[in-house]
C-alpha atoms as a PDB file:
ATOM      1  CA  MET A   1       1.761   7.914  27.058  1.00  0.00           C
ATOM      2  CA  ALA A   2       0.944   5.817  30.095  1.00  0.00           C
ATOM      3  CA  LYS A   3       0.010   2.195  29.451  1.00  0.00           C
ATOM      4  CA  THR A   4      -3.228   0.774  30.758  1.00  0.00           C
ATOM      5  CA  ASN A   5      -3.530  -2.848  31.799  1.00  0.00           C
ATOM      6  CA  ASN A   6      -5.053  -3.664  28.423  1.00  0.00           C
ATOM      7  CA  GLN A   7      -2.058  -2.144  26.625  1.00  0.00           C
ATOM      8  CA  GLN A   8       0.722  -3.954  28.442  1.00  0.00           C
ATOM      9  CA  HIS A   9       0.895  -6.789  25.900  1.00  0.00           C
ATOM     10  CA  ILE A  10       1.447  -4.536  22.884  1.00  0.00           C
ATOM     11  CA  GLY A  11       5.157  -4.662  22.095  1.00  0.00           C
ATOM     12  CA  ILE A  12       5.936  -3.221  18.652  1.00  0.00           C
ATOM     13  CA  SER A  13       8.826  -3.886  16.259  1.00  0.00           C
ATOM     14  CA  VAL A  14       9.252  -1.631  13.218  1.00  0.00           C
ATOM     15  CA  VAL A  15      10.578  -3.214  10.015  1.00  0.00           C
ATOM     16  CA  ILE A  16      12.161  -0.917   7.403  1.00  0.00           C
ATOM     17  CA  PRO A  17      13.556  -2.492   4.207  1.00  0.00           C
ATOM     18  CA  ALA A  18      16.151  -0.282   2.522  1.00  0.00           C
ATOM     19  CA  TYR A  19      17.921  -0.384  -0.812  1.00  0.00           C
ATOM     20  CA  ASN A  20      20.241   2.493  -1.787  1.00  0.00           C
ATOM     21  CA  ALA A  21      18.224   4.704   0.543  1.00  0.00           C
ATOM     22  CA  ALA A  22      20.992   6.979   1.833  1.00  0.00           C
ATOM     23  CA  LYS A  23      19.094  10.107   0.763  1.00  0.00           C
ATOM     24  CA  SER A  24      15.892   9.262   2.646  1.00  0.00           C
ATOM     25  CA  ILE A  25      16.577   6.686   5.374  1.00  0.00           C
ATOM     26  CA  VAL A  26      17.425   9.268   8.033  1.00  0.00           C
ATOM     27  CA  ARG A  27      14.065  10.997   7.498  1.00  0.00           C
ATOM     28  CA  ALA A  28      12.296   7.641   7.840  1.00  0.00           C
ATOM     29  CA  VAL A  29      14.118   6.551  11.011  1.00  0.00           C
ATOM     30  CA  ASP A  30      13.817   9.989  12.604  1.00  0.00           C
ATOM     31  CA  SER A  31      10.043   9.887  12.062  1.00  0.00           C
ATOM     32  CA  VAL A  32       9.913   6.575  13.964  1.00  0.00           C
ATOM     33  CA  LEU A  33      12.036   7.920  16.809  1.00  0.00           C
ATOM     34  CA  ALA A  34       9.719  10.952  17.026  1.00  0.00           C
ATOM     35  CA  GLN A  35       6.641   8.844  17.842  1.00  0.00           C
ATOM     36  CA  THR A  36       4.623   9.853  20.885  1.00  0.00           C
ATOM     37  CA  ARG A  37       4.361   6.115  21.581  1.00  0.00           C
ATOM     38  CA  ARG A  38       7.884   4.946  20.832  1.00  0.00           C
ATOM     39  CA  PRO A  39       8.249   1.460  19.345  1.00  0.00           C
ATOM     40  CA  ASP A  40      10.064  -1.215  21.307  1.00  0.00           C
ATOM     41  CA  GLU A  41      12.417  -2.035  18.439  1.00  0.00           C
ATOM     42  CA  ILE A  42      13.493  -0.606  15.066  1.00  0.00           C
ATOM     43  CA  ILE A  43      14.930  -2.992  12.467  1.00  0.00           C
ATOM     44  CA  VAL A  44      16.428  -1.804   9.178  1.00  0.00           C
ATOM     45  CA  VAL A  45      17.107  -4.571   6.654  1.00  0.00           C
ATOM     46  CA  ASP A  46      19.661  -3.373   4.112  1.00  0.00           C
ATOM     47  CA  ASP A  47      18.867  -5.193   0.870  1.00  0.00           C
ATOM     48  CA  GLY A  48      22.367  -5.095  -0.609  1.00  0.00           C
ATOM     49  CA  SER A  49      22.765  -1.323  -0.857  1.00  0.00           C
ATOM     50  CA  THR A  50      25.810   0.034  -2.680  1.00  0.00           C
ATOM     51  CA  ASP A  51      25.505   3.621  -1.439  1.00  0.00           C
ATOM     52  CA  GLU A  52      25.942   5.008   2.099  1.00  0.00           C
ATOM     53  CA  THR A  53      22.787   3.469   3.564  1.00  0.00           C
ATOM     54  CA  ALA A  54      24.769   1.395   6.079  1.00  0.00           C
ATOM     55  CA  GLN A  55      26.710   4.421   7.370  1.00  0.00           C
ATOM     56  CA  ARG A  56      23.503   6.398   7.798  1.00  0.00           C
ATOM     57  CA  ILE A  57      21.938   3.627   9.884  1.00  0.00           C
ATOM     58  CA  LYS A  58      24.960   2.822  12.005  1.00  0.00           C
ATOM     59  CA  GLN A  59      25.087   6.409  13.252  1.00  0.00           C
ATOM     60  CA  TYR A  60      22.008   5.602  15.375  1.00  0.00           C
ATOM     61  CA  GLY A  61      23.936   3.059  17.390  1.00  0.00           C
ATOM     62  CA  SER A  62      21.813   0.788  19.588  1.00  0.00           C
ATOM     63  CA  GLN A  63      18.605   2.661  18.721  1.00  0.00           C
ATOM     64  CA  VAL A  64      18.366   0.747  15.436  1.00  0.00           C
ATOM     65  CA  ARG A  65      19.114  -2.917  14.636  1.00  0.00           C
ATOM     66  CA  TYR A  66      20.935  -3.109  11.322  1.00  0.00           C
ATOM     67  CA  ILE A  67      20.673  -6.315   9.269  1.00  0.00           C
ATOM     68  CA  TYR A  68      22.430  -6.735   5.939  1.00  0.00           C
ATOM     69  CA  GLN A  69      21.476  -9.171   3.186  1.00  0.00           C
ATOM     70  CA  GLU A  70      22.530  -9.668  -0.418  1.00  0.00           C
ATOM     71  CA  ASN A  71      20.058  -7.993  -2.770  1.00  0.00           C
ATOM     72  CA  ALA A  72      16.938 -10.173  -2.865  1.00  0.00           C
ATOM     73  CA  GLY A  73      14.039  -7.716  -3.074  1.00  0.00           C
ATOM     74  CA  PRO A  74      11.566  -6.122  -0.645  1.00  0.00           C
ATOM     75  CA  SER A  75       9.659  -9.302   0.180  1.00  0.00           C
ATOM     76  CA  VAL A  76      12.745 -11.137   1.401  1.00  0.00           C
ATOM     77  CA  ALA A  77      13.938  -8.038   3.295  1.00  0.00           C
ATOM     78  CA  ARG A  78      10.619  -7.614   5.113  1.00  0.00           C
ATOM     79  CA  ASN A  79      10.431 -11.330   5.908  1.00  0.00           C
ATOM     80  CA  LYS A  80      13.925 -11.227   7.392  1.00  0.00           C
ATOM     81  CA  GLY A  81      12.911  -8.285   9.563  1.00  0.00           C
ATOM     82  CA  ILE A  82       9.719 -10.005  10.720  1.00  0.00           C
ATOM     83  CA  GLU A  83      11.562 -13.172  11.685  1.00  0.00           C
ATOM     84  CA  ALA A  84      14.185 -11.159  13.580  1.00  0.00           C
ATOM     85  CA  ALA A  85      11.573  -9.103  15.460  1.00  0.00           C
ATOM     86  CA  LYS A  86      11.354  -9.656  19.213  1.00  0.00           C
ATOM     87  CA  ASN A  87       7.840  -8.293  19.690  1.00  0.00           C
ATOM     88  CA  LYS A  88       4.307  -9.516  19.040  1.00  0.00           C
ATOM     89  CA  TRP A  89       3.294  -6.630  16.776  1.00  0.00           C
ATOM     90  CA  ILE A  90       4.965  -5.574  13.508  1.00  0.00           C
ATOM     91  CA  ALA A  91       4.740  -2.120  11.926  1.00  0.00           C
ATOM     92  CA  PHE A  92       6.088  -1.375   8.454  1.00  0.00           C
ATOM     93  CA  LEU A  93       7.712   1.660   6.900  1.00  0.00           C
ATOM     94  CA  ASP A  94       9.542   2.003   3.601  1.00  0.00           C
ATOM     95  CA  ALA A  95      12.860   3.832   3.648  1.00  0.00           C
ATOM     96  CA  ASP A  96      11.600   6.691   1.483  1.00  0.00           C
ATOM     97  CA  ASP A  97       8.387   7.371   3.429  1.00  0.00           C
ATOM     98  CA  GLN A  98       7.760   8.745   6.924  1.00  0.00           C
ATOM     99  CA  TRP A  99       5.379   8.535   9.850  1.00  0.00           C
ATOM    100  CA  LEU A 100       3.596  11.374  11.587  1.00  0.00           C
ATOM    101  CA  PRO A 101       4.212  11.573  15.374  1.00  0.00           C
ATOM    102  CA  GLU A 102       0.855  10.043  16.451  1.00  0.00           C
ATOM    103  CA  ARG A 103       1.023   7.049  14.105  1.00  0.00           C
ATOM    104  CA  LEU A 104       1.706   4.378  16.703  1.00  0.00           C
ATOM    105  CA  GLY A 105      -0.013   6.178  19.564  1.00  0.00           C
ATOM    106  CA  LEU A 106      -3.398   6.331  17.846  1.00  0.00           C
ATOM    107  CA  GLN A 107      -3.213   2.722  16.665  1.00  0.00           C
ATOM    108  CA  PHE A 108      -1.951   1.609  20.059  1.00  0.00           C
ATOM    109  CA  ALA A 109      -5.019   3.161  21.697  1.00  0.00           C
ATOM    110  CA  LEU A 110      -7.414   1.709  19.110  1.00  0.00           C
ATOM    111  CA  LEU A 111      -6.082  -1.805  19.701  1.00  0.00           C
ATOM    112  CA  ALA A 112      -6.449  -1.370  23.453  1.00  0.00           C
ATOM    113  CA  ARG A 113     -10.139  -0.545  22.933  1.00  0.00           C
ATOM    114  CA  ASN A 114     -10.677  -3.407  20.461  1.00  0.00           C
ATOM    115  CA  GLU A 115      -8.648  -6.338  21.750  1.00  0.00           C
ATOM    116  CA  HIS A 116     -10.182  -8.803  19.297  1.00  0.00           C
ATOM    117  CA  LEU A 117      -8.407  -7.130  16.350  1.00  0.00           C
ATOM    118  CA  VAL A 118      -5.214  -8.680  14.993  1.00  0.00           C
ATOM    119  CA  TRP A 119      -4.373  -5.911  12.526  1.00  0.00           C
ATOM    120  CA  VAL A 120      -4.958  -2.202  12.090  1.00  0.00           C
ATOM    121  CA  THR A 121      -4.199   0.356   9.414  1.00  0.00           C
ATOM    122  CA  GLY A 122      -5.082   3.989   8.770  1.00  0.00           C
ATOM    123  CA  ASN A 123      -5.270   7.042   6.576  1.00  0.00           C
ATOM    124  CA  PHE A 124      -2.157   8.739   5.148  1.00  0.00           C
ATOM    125  CA  TYR A 125      -1.011  11.674   3.038  1.00  0.00           C
ATOM    126  CA  ARG A 126      -0.025  11.253  -0.593  1.00  0.00           C
ATOM    127  CA  CYS A 127       2.788  13.708  -1.247  1.00  0.00           C
ATOM    128  CA  LEU A 128       4.118  15.047  -4.534  1.00  0.00           C
ATOM    129  CA  CYS A 129       6.589  17.037  -2.531  1.00  0.00           C
ATOM    130  CA  ASP A 130       8.507  18.362  -5.546  1.00  0.00           C
ATOM    131  CA  ARG A 131       5.275  20.176  -6.490  1.00  0.00           C
ATOM    132  CA  ASP A 132       4.293  21.044  -2.898  1.00  0.00           C
ATOM    133  CA  ILE A 133       1.157  18.885  -3.108  1.00  0.00           C
ATOM    134  CA  ARG A 134       0.090  16.860  -0.074  1.00  0.00           C
ATOM    135  CA  LYS A 135      -3.436  15.495   0.277  1.00  0.00           C
ATOM    136  CA  PRO A 136      -4.991  12.735   2.402  1.00  0.00           C
ATOM    137  CA  ASP A 137      -5.718   9.418   0.731  1.00  0.00           C
ATOM    138  CA  VAL A 138      -9.251   9.720   2.104  1.00  0.00           C
ATOM    139  CA  LYS A 139     -10.909  12.745   3.651  1.00  0.00           C
ATOM    140  CA  PRO A 140     -11.166  11.939   7.384  1.00  0.00           C
ATOM    141  CA  ALA A 141     -14.891  12.744   7.412  1.00  0.00           C
ATOM    142  CA  LEU A 142     -15.496  10.301   4.551  1.00  0.00           C
ATOM    143  CA  ALA A 143     -13.471   7.620   6.327  1.00  0.00           C
ATOM    144  CA  ALA A 144     -15.463   8.153   9.533  1.00  0.00           C
ATOM    145  CA  LYS A 145     -18.706   7.810   7.589  1.00  0.00           C
ATOM    146  CA  ALA A 146     -17.495   4.562   6.012  1.00  0.00           C
ATOM    147  CA  LEU A 147     -16.724   3.146   9.463  1.00  0.00           C
ATOM    148  CA  ALA A 148     -20.335   3.722  10.548  1.00  0.00           C
ATOM    149  CA  GLN A 149     -19.500   4.639  14.185  1.00  0.00           C
ATOM    150  CA  GLN A 150     -17.040   1.767  14.581  1.00  0.00           C
ATOM    151  CA  GLU A 151     -13.242   1.815  14.792  1.00  0.00           C
ATOM    152  CA  TYR A 152     -12.847  -1.114  12.423  1.00  0.00           C
ATOM    153  CA  PHE A 153     -14.242  -2.502   9.200  1.00  0.00           C
ATOM    154  CA  ASP A 154     -16.049  -5.827   9.467  1.00  0.00           C
ATOM    155  CA  ASP A 155     -14.598  -6.942   6.134  1.00  0.00           C
ATOM    156  CA  PHE A 156     -11.394  -5.719   4.487  1.00  0.00           C
ATOM    157  CA  PHE A 157     -12.885  -6.512   1.059  1.00  0.00           C
ATOM    158  CA  ARG A 158     -16.183  -4.731   1.637  1.00  0.00           C
ATOM    159  CA  THR A 159     -14.903  -1.366   2.853  1.00  0.00           C
ATOM    160  CA  SER A 160     -16.503   1.575   1.040  1.00  0.00           C
ATOM    161  CA  LEU A 161     -13.279   3.611   1.027  1.00  0.00           C
ATOM    162  CA  PRO A 162     -12.387   4.668  -2.544  1.00  0.00           C
ATOM    163  CA  HIS A 163      -9.146   2.657  -2.748  1.00  0.00           C
ATOM    164  CA  GLY A 164      -9.452   0.130   0.055  1.00  0.00           C
ATOM    165  CA  CYS A 165      -7.600   0.273   3.358  1.00  0.00           C
ATOM    166  CA  GLY A 166      -4.292  -1.471   3.041  1.00  0.00           C
ATOM    167  CA  TRP A 167      -1.238   0.789   2.671  1.00  0.00           C
ATOM    168  CA  THR A 168       1.988  -0.766   3.942  1.00  0.00           C
ATOM    169  CA  GLY A 169       3.190   2.341   5.783  1.00  0.00           C
ATOM    170  CA  THR A 170       0.204   2.347   8.146  1.00  0.00           C
ATOM    171  CA  MET A 171      -0.088  -1.386   8.773  1.00  0.00           C
ATOM    172  CA  LEU A 172       0.339  -2.761  12.322  1.00  0.00           C
ATOM    173  CA  ILE A 173      -0.125  -6.544  12.471  1.00  0.00           C
ATOM    174  CA  ARG A 174       0.442  -9.329  14.944  1.00  0.00           C
ATOM    175  CA  LYS A 175       3.554 -11.296  14.019  1.00  0.00           C
ATOM    176  CA  GLU A 176       1.750 -14.632  14.328  1.00  0.00           C
ATOM    177  CA  ILE A 177      -0.868 -13.462  11.804  1.00  0.00           C
ATOM    178  CA  LEU A 178       1.825 -12.604   9.267  1.00  0.00           C
ATOM    179  CA  GLN A 179       3.306 -16.048   9.760  1.00  0.00           C
ATOM    180  CA  GLU A 180      -0.108 -17.714   9.575  1.00  0.00           C
ATOM    181  CA  ALA A 181      -0.718 -16.039   6.192  1.00  0.00           C
ATOM    182  CA  GLY A 182       2.634 -17.186   4.818  1.00  0.00           C
ATOM    183  CA  MET A 183       4.558 -13.876   4.961  1.00  0.00           C
ATOM    184  CA  PHE A 184       5.536 -11.913   1.814  1.00  0.00           C
ATOM    185  CA  GLN A 185       6.059 -14.013  -1.307  1.00  0.00           C
ATOM    186  CA  PRO A 186       9.808 -13.784  -2.066  1.00  0.00           C
ATOM    187  CA  GLU A 187       9.339 -13.957  -5.825  1.00  0.00           C
ATOM    188  CA  LEU A 188       7.052 -10.916  -5.885  1.00  0.00           C
ATOM    189  CA  HIS A 189       8.562  -7.484  -6.525  1.00  0.00           C
ATOM    190  CA  ILE A 190       5.286  -5.747  -7.408  1.00  0.00           C
ATOM    191  CA  ALA A 191       2.126  -5.893  -5.253  1.00  0.00           C
ATOM    192  CA  GLU A 192       3.890  -8.115  -2.722  1.00  0.00           C
ATOM    193  CA  ASP A 193       2.253  -6.124   0.061  1.00  0.00           C
ATOM    194  CA  THR A 194      -1.313  -6.185  -1.267  1.00  0.00           C
ATOM    195  CA  ASP A 195      -0.971  -9.916  -1.917  1.00  0.00           C
ATOM    196  CA  LEU A 196      -0.187 -10.505   1.763  1.00  0.00           C
ATOM    197  CA  TRP A 197      -3.023  -8.251   2.945  1.00  0.00           C
ATOM    198  CA  PHE A 198      -5.339 -10.273   0.696  1.00  0.00           C
ATOM    199  CA  ARG A 199      -4.251 -13.569   2.285  1.00  0.00           C
ATOM    200  CA  ILE A 200      -4.705 -12.136   5.781  1.00  0.00           C
ATOM    201  CA  ALA A 201      -8.141 -10.714   4.907  1.00  0.00           C
ATOM    202  CA  CYS A 202      -9.346 -14.094   3.662  1.00  0.00           C
ATOM    203  CA  ARG A 203      -8.757 -15.482   7.155  1.00  0.00           C
ATOM    204  CA  ARG A 204      -9.137 -12.375   9.360  1.00  0.00           C
ATOM    205  CA  PRO A 205     -11.535  -9.956   7.649  1.00  0.00           C
ATOM    206  CA  GLN A 206     -11.947  -7.415  10.473  1.00  0.00           C
ATOM    207  CA  ILE A 207      -9.370  -4.599  10.379  1.00  0.00           C
ATOM    208  CA  GLY A 208      -9.000  -1.489  12.539  1.00  0.00           C
ATOM    209  CA  TYR A 209      -8.756   1.887  10.838  1.00  0.00           C
ATOM    210  CA  VAL A 210      -7.629   5.317  12.076  1.00  0.00           C
ATOM    211  CA  THR A 211      -9.319   8.080  10.098  1.00  0.00           C
ATOM    212  CA  GLU A 212      -6.664  10.768  10.622  1.00  0.00           C
ATOM    213  CA  PRO A 213      -3.545  10.613   8.403  1.00  0.00           C
ATOM    214  CA  LEU A 214      -0.769   8.731  10.159  1.00  0.00           C
ATOM    215  CA  ALA A 215       2.046   8.854   7.607  1.00  0.00           C
ATOM    216  CA  VAL A 216       3.350  10.469   4.436  1.00  0.00           C
ATOM    217  CA  TYR A 217       3.684   8.451   1.232  1.00  0.00           C
ATOM    218  CA  HIS A 218       6.345  10.128  -0.921  1.00  0.00           C
ATOM    219  CA  MET A 219       5.304   9.388  -4.492  1.00  0.00           C
ATOM    220  CA  THR A 220       8.247  10.718  -6.496  1.00  0.00           C
ATOM    221  CA  THR A 221      10.898   8.075  -5.912  1.00  0.00           C
ATOM    222  CA  ALA A 222      12.195   6.624  -9.195  1.00  0.00           C
ATOM    223  CA  SER A 223      11.283   3.017  -9.961  1.00  0.00           C
ATOM    224  CA  SER A 224      12.373   0.394 -12.438  1.00  0.00           C
ATOM    225  CA  LEU A 225      11.186   0.684 -16.014  1.00  0.00           C
ATOM    226  CA  MET A 226      11.298  -3.089 -16.226  1.00  0.00           C
ATOM    227  CA  GLN A 227       8.777  -3.394 -13.405  1.00  0.00           C
ATOM    228  CA  LYS A 228       6.465  -0.922 -15.112  1.00  0.00           C
ATOM    229  CA  HIS A 229       6.407  -2.894 -18.362  1.00  0.00           C
ATOM    230  CA  ARG A 230       6.072  -6.293 -16.605  1.00  0.00           C
ATOM    231  CA  ARG A 231       3.076  -5.190 -14.551  1.00  0.00           C
ATOM    232  CA  LEU A 232       0.283  -6.490 -16.794  1.00  0.00           C
ATOM    233  CA  ARG A 233       1.640 -10.009 -17.332  1.00  0.00           C
ATOM    234  CA  PHE A 234       2.696 -10.309 -13.703  1.00  0.00           C
ATOM    235  CA  GLN A 235      -0.408  -9.090 -11.959  1.00  0.00           C
ATOM    236  CA  SER A 236      -2.835 -10.913 -14.252  1.00  0.00           C
ATOM    237  CA  GLY A 237      -1.373 -14.197 -13.056  1.00  0.00           C
ATOM    238  CA  LEU A 238      -1.414 -13.014  -9.453  1.00  0.00           C
ATOM    239  CA  ILE A 239      -5.088 -12.060  -9.630  1.00  0.00           C
ATOM    240  CA  GLU A 240      -5.954 -15.515 -10.955  1.00  0.00           C
ATOM    241  CA  GLN A 241      -4.063 -17.088  -8.034  1.00  0.00           C
ATOM    242  CA  GLN A 242      -5.940 -14.877  -5.602  1.00  0.00           C
ATOM    243  CA  LEU A 243      -9.326 -15.741  -7.094  1.00  0.00           C
ATOM    244  CA  GLN A 244      -8.516 -19.430  -6.617  1.00  0.00           C
ATOM    245  CA  PHE A 245      -7.320 -18.818  -3.041  1.00  0.00           C
ATOM    246  CA  ALA A 246     -10.472 -16.813  -2.208  1.00  0.00           C
ATOM    247  CA  SER A 247     -12.641 -19.615  -3.593  1.00  0.00           C
ATOM    248  CA  GLU A 248     -10.843 -22.210  -1.473  1.00  0.00           C
ATOM    249  CA  HIS A 249     -11.434 -20.107   1.652  1.00  0.00           C
ATOM    250  CA  GLY A 250     -15.091 -19.335   0.928  1.00  0.00           C
ATOM    251  CA  ARG A 251     -14.388 -15.640   0.277  1.00  0.00           C
ATOM    252  CA  LEU A 252     -14.922 -15.426  -3.475  1.00  0.00           C
ATOM    253  CA  ASP A 253     -18.174 -13.427  -3.345  1.00  0.00           C
ATOM    254  CA  ALA A 254     -16.562 -10.775  -1.147  1.00  0.00           C
ATOM    255  CA  PHE A 255     -13.339 -10.666  -3.161  1.00  0.00           C
ATOM    256  CA  LYS A 256     -14.789 -10.366  -6.676  1.00  0.00           C
ATOM    257  CA  PRO A 257     -16.094  -6.760  -6.356  1.00  0.00           C
ATOM    258  CA  TYR A 258     -12.829  -5.710  -4.672  1.00  0.00           C
ATOM    259  CA  VAL A 259     -10.632  -7.068  -7.447  1.00  0.00           C
ATOM    260  CA  GLY A 260     -13.091  -5.872 -10.087  1.00  0.00           C
ATOM    261  CA  ARG A 261     -12.557  -2.285  -8.941  1.00  0.00           C
ATOM    262  CA  ALA A 262      -8.800  -2.831  -9.086  1.00  0.00           C
ATOM    263  CA  VAL A 263      -8.881  -4.233 -12.632  1.00  0.00           C
ATOM    264  CA  SER A 264     -11.127  -1.421 -13.900  1.00  0.00           C
ATOM    265  CA  SER A 265      -8.756   1.107 -12.329  1.00  0.00           C
ATOM    266  CA  TYR A 266      -5.804  -0.428 -14.156  1.00  0.00           C
ATOM    267  CA  ILE A 267      -7.686  -0.477 -17.471  1.00  0.00           C
ATOM    268  CA  ARG A 268      -8.423   3.242 -17.130  1.00  0.00           C
ATOM    269  CA  GLY A 269      -4.717   3.830 -16.684  1.00  0.00           C
ATOM    270  CA  LEU A 270      -3.894   1.849 -19.826  1.00  0.00           C
ATOM    271  CA  LEU A 271      -6.140   4.177 -21.833  1.00  0.00           C
ATOM    272  CA  PHE A 272      -3.575   6.929 -21.207  1.00  0.00           C
ATOM    273  CA  GLU A 273      -0.815   4.737 -22.601  1.00  0.00           C
ATOM    274  CA  ASN A 274      -2.642   3.787 -25.812  1.00  0.00           C
ATOM    275  CA  ARG A 275      -2.345   0.062 -25.126  1.00  0.00           C
ATOM    276  CA  PRO A 276      -5.584  -1.288 -26.688  1.00  0.00           C
ATOM    277  CA  ASP A 277      -4.387  -4.884 -27.155  1.00  0.00           C
ATOM    278  CA  GLU A 278      -3.558  -5.246 -23.464  1.00  0.00           C
ATOM    279  CA  ILE A 279      -6.887  -3.682 -22.487  1.00  0.00           C
ATOM    280  CA  ARG A 280      -8.765  -6.153 -24.688  1.00  0.00           C
ATOM    281  CA  ARG A 281      -6.876  -9.052 -23.114  1.00  0.00           C
ATOM    282  CA  LEU A 282      -7.876  -7.843 -19.662  1.00  0.00           C
ATOM    283  CA  LEU A 283     -11.519  -7.472 -20.732  1.00  0.00           C
ATOM    284  CA  ASP A 284     -11.500 -11.023 -22.061  1.00  0.00           C
ATOM    285  CA  ARG A 285      -9.671 -12.447 -19.058  1.00  0.00           C
ATOM    286  CA  PHE A 286     -11.532 -10.677 -16.241  1.00  0.00           C
ATOM    287  CA  GLY A 287     -14.758  -9.560 -17.925  1.00  0.00           C
ATOM    288  CA  GLU A 288     -16.951 -11.336 -15.371  1.00  0.00           C
ATOM    289  CA  LEU A 289     -15.542  -9.060 -12.650  1.00  0.00           C
ATOM    290  CA  LEU A 290     -16.468  -5.850 -14.493  1.00  0.00           C
ATOM    291  CA  THR A 291     -19.837  -4.158 -14.900  1.00  0.00           C
ATOM    292  CA  ARG A 292     -21.584  -4.349 -18.256  1.00  0.00           C
ATOM    293  CA  ARG A 293     -21.689  -0.547 -18.476  1.00  0.00           C
ATOM    294  CA  PHE A 294     -17.946  -0.247 -17.895  1.00  0.00           C
ATOM    295  CA  LYS A 295     -17.138  -2.849 -20.570  1.00  0.00           C
ATOM    296  CA  ILE A 296     -19.361  -1.113 -23.124  1.00  0.00           C
ATOM    297  CA  ILE A 297     -17.741   2.287 -22.465  1.00  0.00           C
ATOM    298  CA  ILE A 298     -14.211   0.906 -22.696  1.00  0.00           C
ATOM    299  CA  ARG A 299     -14.897  -0.952 -25.942  1.00  0.00           C
ATOM    300  CA  LEU A 300     -16.326   2.246 -27.449  1.00  0.00           C
ATOM    301  CA  LEU A 301     -13.210   4.163 -26.386  1.00  0.00           C
ATOM    302  CA  LEU A 302     -11.057   1.502 -28.053  1.00  0.00           C
ATOM    303  CA  VAL A 303     -12.555   2.203 -31.470  1.00  0.00           C
ATOM    304  CA  PHE A 304     -10.071   5.090 -31.765  1.00  0.00           C
ATOM    305  CA  PRO A 305      -7.512   4.303 -29.041  1.00  0.00           C
ATOM    306  CA  ARG A 306      -4.944   6.938 -30.004  1.00  0.00           C
ATOM    307  CA  ALA A 307      -7.581   9.682 -29.942  1.00  0.00           C
ATOM    308  CA  THR A 308      -8.777   8.377 -26.576  1.00  0.00           C
ATOM    309  CA  ALA A 309      -5.242   8.547 -25.148  1.00  0.00           C
ATOM    310  CA  ILE A 310      -4.800  12.130 -26.382  1.00  0.00           C
ATOM    311  CA  LEU A 311      -8.184  13.099 -24.906  1.00  0.00           C
ATOM    312  CA  CYS A 312      -7.299  11.493 -21.537  1.00  0.00           C
ATOM    313  CA  HIS A 313      -4.048  13.462 -21.370  1.00  0.00           C
ATOM    314  CA  CYS A 314      -5.813  16.706 -22.284  1.00  0.00           C
ATOM    315  CA  ILE A 315      -8.472  16.212 -19.613  1.00  0.00           C
ATOM    316  CA  SER A 316      -5.785  15.328 -17.068  1.00  0.00           C
ATOM    317  CA  LYS A 317      -3.866  18.504 -17.882  1.00  0.00           C
ATOM    318  CA  VAL A 318      -6.959  20.672 -17.440  1.00  0.00           C
ATOM    319  CA  VAL A 319      -7.811  18.988 -14.139  1.00  0.00           C
ATOM    320  CA  ARG A 320      -4.250  19.494 -12.855  1.00  0.00           C
ATOM    321  CA  THR A 321      -4.149  23.103 -13.996  1.00  0.00           C
ATOM    322  CA  LEU A 322      -7.403  23.920 -12.217  1.00  0.00           C
ATOM    323  CA  ASN A 323      -6.383  21.854  -9.166  1.00  0.00           C
ATOM    324  CA  LEU A 324      -9.592  19.817  -9.298  1.00  0.00           C
ATOM    325  CA  ARG A 325      -8.083  16.549  -8.085  1.00  0.00           C
ATOM    326  CA  LYS A 326      -9.286  15.193  -4.755  1.00  0.00           C
ATOM    327  CA  GLN A 327      -5.952  13.431  -4.296  1.00  0.00           C
ATOM    328  CA  ALA A 328      -2.294  13.922  -5.082  1.00  0.00           C
ATOM    329  CA  VAL A 329      -1.949  12.218  -8.478  1.00  0.00           C
ATOM    330  CA  ARG A 330       1.143  11.937 -10.639  1.00  0.00           C
ATOM    331  CA  ARG A 331       1.479  13.473 -14.070  1.00  0.00           C
ATOM    332  CA  PRO A 332       0.730  11.065 -16.931  1.00  0.00           C
ATOM    333  CA  GLY A 333       3.807   9.079 -17.897  1.00  0.00           C
ATOM    334  CA  GLN A 334       5.807   9.966 -14.791  1.00  0.00           C
ATOM    335  CA  ILE A 335       7.959   7.005 -13.728  1.00  0.00           C
ATOM    336  CA  THR A 336       7.752   6.614  -9.963  1.00  0.00           C
ATOM    337  CA  LYS A 337       7.658   3.892  -7.380  1.00  0.00           C
ATOM    338  CA  SER A 338       4.673   1.577  -7.569  1.00  0.00           C
ATOM    339  CA  SER A 339       1.521   2.552  -5.698  1.00  0.00           C
ATOM    340  CA  GLN A 340       1.621   0.548  -2.513  1.00  0.00           C
ATOM    341  CA  GLY A 341      -1.588  -0.700  -1.074  1.00  0.00           C
ATOM    342  CA  GLN A 342      -3.675  -0.443  -4.220  1.00  0.00           C
ATOM    343  CA  PRO A 343      -3.237  -3.344  -6.663  1.00  0.00           C
ATOM    344  CA  PHE A 344      -3.483  -2.087 -10.265  1.00  0.00           C
ATOM    345  CA  ARG A 345      -3.812   1.541  -9.137  1.00  0.00           C
ATOM    346  CA  THR A 346      -2.192   3.644 -11.845  1.00  0.00           C
ATOM    347  CA  ASP A 347       0.039   6.677 -11.544  1.00  0.00           C
ATOM    348  CA  TYR A 348      -2.500   9.008 -13.077  1.00  0.00           C
ATOM    349  CA  GLU A 349      -6.021   7.657 -13.024  1.00  0.00           C
ATOM    350  CA  SER A 350      -9.040   9.938 -12.608  1.00  0.00           C
ATOM    351  CA  ASP A 351     -10.568  10.084  -9.134  1.00  0.00           C
END
């Protein structure tokens, strides 16, 4: 792709954190090398892998910068990659996901047409590849309608897309903006990406969006059981921090509906797990963010929580059997990697 004068300044570094990713890292790196607009740099940060991740990366020679660190988590790995990057723009990819060939090319062109933007994201496929299910996060026509004849949303928090617009694997952001927002919080191991997007959006609300899928999110990578069971306690505190931050930056009114949708989504997921006490705590803690109708329905469903959980699983099974889902959604109870880009989004909520 030939560069126009407006595109000359767009140098792109790709940051890929990897931990015991020997089985998938080649697919990820190959998808970056296959871009129609090749990046200027590829950085893989090995977060203390004990498998053959290093050998897989080193076979690429000078095409990939390999950085090793003792195991410290994805936030620290991404931050190390950002700091090491030589270019003004940073793109992210996890070691078990992949890009489609036009990912950078389409975003590259969008930024050239909208030079005021400092970050851009886009649509992607959710893939349950073991079941041969691959569906877009948002139907392109619906995404185009939400954009209202623009190539960007005026406010990250006010987008009308069903699950927001902030998946890590399709983010392309100016390095200085990441630094301005404070980078990824090292202590976070869940929702570390959405927390950073939130801090950027409080300062820089406009975000570009490509309606066509740009990447594939592989949803069937095993995750830690500990993380799954810590999610409620951890994210409740994080949401309270974010509400305070939004208030300090004059963005509370825009943020409240956004986080309210996220909390209600998580509560619906807890219904499947028959966790009524945790649901009640969330209703008490974040009730002001939820609609009156939603709170009434949930409290009625909690009268017989075990029956509600059984009913949710039965409905889910029927919907899966008849293939009525609009998206690729995991089976109830399946332990997989956390849903990136959607805080509180569950593995098996109804769409």
